[in-house]
Amino acid sequence: MTEGVFEMLRAAVNIARFQQIRKVTTLRAELVRRFPDRNEDIDDAILAWANYEQSKGRPD
């Protein structure tokens, strides 16, 4: 994970938590509004978070 993706992941988690955002589309729109030139990092961060959440539900 690049530093830019990690930065967006941290921002995504904080924004979702503090604004109580539950929908990915809403979160992505807020991230794009705040960081308009970071679409690739935003998408990669959302994908990383989704993969993490999915892995929590799977036994090894």
Protein backbone atom coordinates (compact mmCIF):
# COMPACT_ATOMS: atom_id res chain seq x y z
CA MET A 1 0.00 0.00 0.00
CA THR A 2 1.41 3.35 -0.99
CA GLU A 3 1.61 6.30 1.38
CA GLY A 4 -1.10 8.07 -0.65
CA VAL A 5 -3.50 5.14 -0.38
CA PHE A 6 -2.83 4.83 3.35
CA GLU A 7 -3.55 8.54 3.76
CA MET A 8 -6.88 8.14 1.94
CA LEU A 9 -7.73 5.02 3.96
CA ARG A 10 -7.13 6.89 7.19
CA ALA A 11 -9.24 9.81 5.93
CA ALA A 12 -12.01 7.44 4.83
CA VAL A 13 -12.19 5.71 8.21
CA ASN A 14 -12.24 9.00 10.09
CA ILE A 15 -14.84 10.62 7.82
CA ALA A 16 -17.09 7.55 7.93
CA ARG A 17 -16.81 7.39 11.70
CA PHE A 18 -17.28 11.06 12.53
CA GLN A 19 -20.01 11.72 9.96
CA GLN A 20 -21.64 8.32 10.52
CA ILE A 21 -21.54 7.51 6.81
CA ARG A 22 -22.80 4.00 6.06
CA LYS A 23 -22.81 3.92 2.24
CA VAL A 24 -19.69 3.54 0.13
CA THR A 25 -21.06 5.87 -2.55
CA THR A 26 -21.63 8.62 0.03
CA LEU A 27 -18.17 8.14 1.50
CA ARG A 28 -16.53 8.17 -1.92
CA ALA A 29 -18.36 11.37 -2.87
CA GLU A 30 -17.17 13.05 0.34
CA LEU A 31 -13.58 11.94 -0.25
CA VAL A 32 -13.67 13.21 -3.84
CA ARG A 33 -15.10 16.52 -2.62
CA ARG A 34 -12.25 16.90 -0.12
CA PHE A 35 -9.49 15.45 -2.30
CA PRO A 36 -10.55 16.10 -5.92
CA ASP A 37 -7.26 15.06 -7.54
CA ARG A 38 -6.88 11.75 -5.68
CA ASN A 39 -9.42 9.47 -7.39
CA GLU A 40 -7.03 6.54 -7.81
CA ASP A 41 -5.88 6.67 -4.18
CA ILE A 42 -9.50 6.96 -3.03
CA ASP A 43 -10.59 3.93 -5.04
CA ASP A 44 -7.61 1.88 -3.85
CA ALA A 45 -8.27 2.85 -0.23
CA ILE A 46 -11.95 1.90 -0.44
CA LEU A 47 -10.99 -1.42 -2.03
CA ALA A 48 -8.43 -2.10 0.72
CA TRP A 49 -11.01 -1.36 3.41
CA ALA A 50 -13.60 -3.55 1.69
CA ASN A 51 -11.12 -6.42 1.44
CA TYR A 52 -10.25 -6.03 5.12
CA GLU A 53 -13.91 -6.06 6.16
CA GLN A 54 -14.59 -9.10 3.99
CA SER A 55 -11.64 -10.99 5.47
CA LYS A 56 -12.93 -10.49 9.02
CA GLY A 57 -15.90 -12.71 8.27
CA ARG A 58 -13.90 -15.59 6.81
CA PRO A 59 -12.29 -18.26 8.94
CA ASP A 60 -8.82 -19.32 7.81
